[in-house]
Amino acid sequence: MVDYEFYVNCYLGSGIPEKAFPTAAAQAAAALDRILRIYTVAEHGEQTRKLAICAMAEAVYAASRRKAGVTAASVGNVSVRYENGEHANKSLQRELYQKAAIYLDIYRGAQV
């Protein structure tokens, strides 16, 4: 598990308060475990997994702070789109994958 000291001193993070970090990091680690089960993942260096968890934890924390609501609006012909739980979850999963891919090589298809 990644601790707050690593987050602040090695990752140089500042977006998550210390009290909220354990929850965000645990959720990020669970999401990374899912990625590791589904895809072939190559790590380069000792701390790449921890760095990925820190980046993912920031995304988890930011998502927890956002409120569901209007995600798009138009004036002509009045069009409004609301973000619901399913859309928000898919969006978060996509963002977590992208954060993990910054630090880890994730292979989605068959390897040669």
Protein backbone atom coordinates (compact mmCIF):
# COMPACT_ATOMS: atom_id res chain seq x y z
CA MET A 1 0.00 0.00 0.00
CA VAL A 2 1.17 3.49 -0.82
CA ASP A 3 1.40 5.82 2.17
CA TYR A 4 0.88 9.56 2.35
CA GLU A 5 4.59 10.19 2.88
CA PHE A 6 5.38 8.56 -0.49
CA TYR A 7 2.58 10.55 -2.11
CA VAL A 8 3.94 13.88 -0.84
CA ASN A 9 7.70 13.24 -0.98
CA CYS A 10 8.19 10.97 -4.01
CA TYR A 11 5.16 11.58 -6.21
CA LEU A 12 5.18 15.23 -5.09
CA GLY A 13 1.42 15.24 -4.80
CA SER A 14 -0.57 17.90 -3.03
CA GLY A 15 -4.13 17.46 -4.30
CA ILE A 16 -5.34 15.02 -1.67
CA PRO A 17 -5.59 15.87 2.04
CA GLU A 18 -3.87 13.42 4.37
CA LYS A 19 -7.16 12.24 5.92
CA ALA A 20 -8.66 11.40 2.53
CA PHE A 21 -5.56 9.71 1.11
CA PRO A 22 -5.98 6.17 2.54
CA THR A 23 -9.45 5.80 1.02
CA ALA A 24 -8.46 7.23 -2.36
CA ALA A 25 -5.29 5.12 -2.46
CA ALA A 26 -7.17 1.94 -1.56
CA GLN A 27 -9.71 2.56 -4.32
CA ALA A 28 -6.90 3.32 -6.77
CA ALA A 29 -5.03 0.16 -5.79
CA ALA A 30 -8.20 -1.90 -6.32
CA ALA A 31 -8.66 -0.34 -9.77
CA LEU A 32 -5.02 -1.09 -10.62
CA ASP A 33 -5.45 -4.69 -9.47
CA ARG A 34 -8.36 -4.97 -11.89
CA ILE A 35 -6.20 -3.62 -14.73
CA LEU A 36 -3.46 -6.12 -13.81
CA ARG A 37 -5.98 -9.00 -13.97
CA ILE A 38 -7.39 -7.98 -17.34
CA TYR A 39 -4.33 -6.78 -19.26
CA THR A 40 -0.67 -7.62 -19.59
CA VAL A 41 1.23 -4.91 -17.73
CA ALA A 42 4.95 -4.17 -17.79
CA GLU A 43 6.53 -2.15 -15.01
CA HIS A 44 9.74 -0.20 -15.50
CA GLY A 45 11.38 0.52 -12.19
CA GLU A 46 10.69 -0.22 -8.57
CA GLN A 47 8.23 2.55 -7.92
CA THR A 48 6.18 2.72 -11.09
CA ARG A 49 3.26 0.85 -9.52
CA LYS A 50 3.25 3.21 -6.52
CA LEU A 51 3.44 6.23 -8.80
CA ALA A 52 0.52 4.90 -10.83
CA ILE A 53 -1.52 4.42 -7.65
CA CYS A 54 -0.79 8.02 -6.61
CA ALA A 55 -1.92 9.38 -9.98
CA MET A 56 -5.01 7.19 -9.88
CA ALA A 57 -5.76 8.22 -6.28
CA GLU A 58 -5.83 11.85 -7.37
CA ALA A 59 -8.39 10.96 -10.04
CA VAL A 60 -10.47 9.00 -7.50
CA TYR A 61 -10.38 11.90 -5.05
CA ALA A 62 -11.30 14.45 -7.72
CA ALA A 63 -14.21 12.26 -8.85
CA SER A 64 -15.47 12.00 -5.28
CA ARG A 65 -15.49 15.80 -5.04
CA ARG A 66 -17.47 16.32 -8.27
CA LYS A 67 -21.20 16.45 -8.06
CA ALA A 68 -23.40 14.71 -10.59
CA GLY A 69 -25.26 17.12 -12.71
CA VAL A 70 -25.28 18.82 -16.04
CA THR A 71 -22.31 17.79 -18.20
CA ALA A 72 -23.39 19.48 -21.42
CA ALA A 73 -25.85 22.14 -22.45
CA SER A 74 -26.99 23.84 -25.65
CA VAL A 75 -29.10 26.91 -26.18
CA GLY A 76 -30.31 26.35 -29.74
CA ASN A 77 -33.03 23.66 -29.64
CA VAL A 78 -32.48 23.38 -25.86
CA SER A 79 -30.30 20.32 -25.23
CA VAL A 80 -29.13 19.28 -21.77
CA ARG A 81 -27.17 16.19 -20.75
CA TYR A 82 -26.97 14.99 -17.17
CA GLU A 83 -24.23 12.79 -15.83
CA ASN A 84 -25.64 9.76 -14.08
CA GLY A 85 -23.88 7.18 -11.94
CA GLU A 86 -23.17 4.79 -14.82
CA HIS A 87 -21.72 7.49 -17.07
CA ALA A 88 -19.61 8.87 -14.20
CA ASN A 89 -18.28 5.40 -13.40
CA LYS A 90 -17.31 4.70 -17.01
CA SER A 91 -15.65 8.08 -17.24
CA LEU A 92 -13.71 7.43 -14.02
CA GLN A 93 -12.62 3.96 -15.19
CA ARG A 94 -11.33 5.44 -18.44
CA GLU A 95 -9.45 8.15 -16.52
CA LEU A 96 -7.93 5.60 -14.12
CA TYR A 97 -6.70 3.52 -17.06
CA GLN A 98 -5.12 6.63 -18.60
CA LYS A 99 -3.42 7.56 -15.30
CA ALA A 100 -2.03 4.03 -14.90
CA ALA A 101 -0.76 4.08 -18.50
CA ILE A 102 1.41 7.10 -17.70
CA TYR A 103 3.62 4.91 -15.51
CA LEU A 104 2.94 1.38 -16.72
CA ASP A 105 2.98 -0.20 -20.18
CA ILE A 106 -0.46 -1.75 -20.59
CA TYR A 107 -0.93 -4.19 -23.45
CA ARG A 108 -4.56 -4.61 -24.44
CA GLY A 109 -4.18 -7.11 -27.25
CA ALA A 110 -2.20 -10.24 -27.95
CA GLN A 111 1.52 -9.88 -27.64
CA VAL A 112 3.94 -11.07 -30.25
